[in-house]
């Protein structure tokens, strides 16, 4: 049972990291577009 719970925790951890990464990438693209508009 312990290993199964550890696997679940690892999966949730990876999913949350992927969500944060995609969010950061979107914000980064938006930020770069804003910089380009100002110039």
Protein backbone atom coordinates (compact mmCIF):
# COMPACT_ATOMS: atom_id res chain seq x y z
CA UNK A 1 0.00 0.00 0.00
CA UNK A 2 2.77 2.41 0.91
CA UNK A 3 4.37 2.24 -2.52
CA UNK A 4 1.00 2.83 -4.21
CA UNK A 5 0.39 5.96 -2.13
CA UNK A 6 3.90 7.16 -2.92
CA UNK A 7 3.21 6.67 -6.63
CA UNK A 8 -0.02 8.67 -6.35
CA UNK A 9 1.82 11.47 -4.57
CA UNK A 10 4.51 11.50 -7.26
CA UNK A 11 1.87 11.68 -10.02
CA UNK A 12 0.04 14.58 -8.36
CA UNK A 13 3.38 16.33 -7.79
CA UNK A 14 4.31 15.97 -11.48
CA UNK A 15 0.89 17.20 -12.60
CA UNK A 16 1.08 20.29 -10.41
CA UNK A 17 4.57 21.05 -11.75
CA UNK A 18 3.32 20.71 -15.34
CA UNK A 19 0.41 23.07 -14.59
CA UNK A 20 2.76 25.65 -13.10
CA UNK A 21 5.15 25.32 -16.05
CA UNK A 22 2.42 25.83 -18.66
CA UNK A 23 1.08 28.82 -16.71
CA UNK A 24 4.55 30.36 -16.50
CA UNK A 25 5.15 29.78 -20.23
CA UNK A 26 1.88 31.54 -21.08
CA UNK A 27 2.70 34.49 -18.83
CA UNK A 28 6.19 34.68 -20.36
CA UNK A 29 4.81 34.79 -23.92
CA UNK A 30 2.29 37.49 -22.94
CA UNK A 31 5.03 39.50 -21.22
CA UNK A 32 7.28 39.32 -24.31
CA UNK A 33 4.41 40.46 -26.55
CA UNK A 34 3.78 43.40 -24.23
CA UNK A 35 7.46 44.37 -24.40
CA UNK A 36 7.37 44.19 -28.19
CA UNK A 37 4.30 46.46 -28.33
CA UNK A 38 5.98 49.12 -26.17
CA UNK A 39 9.02 49.41 -28.45
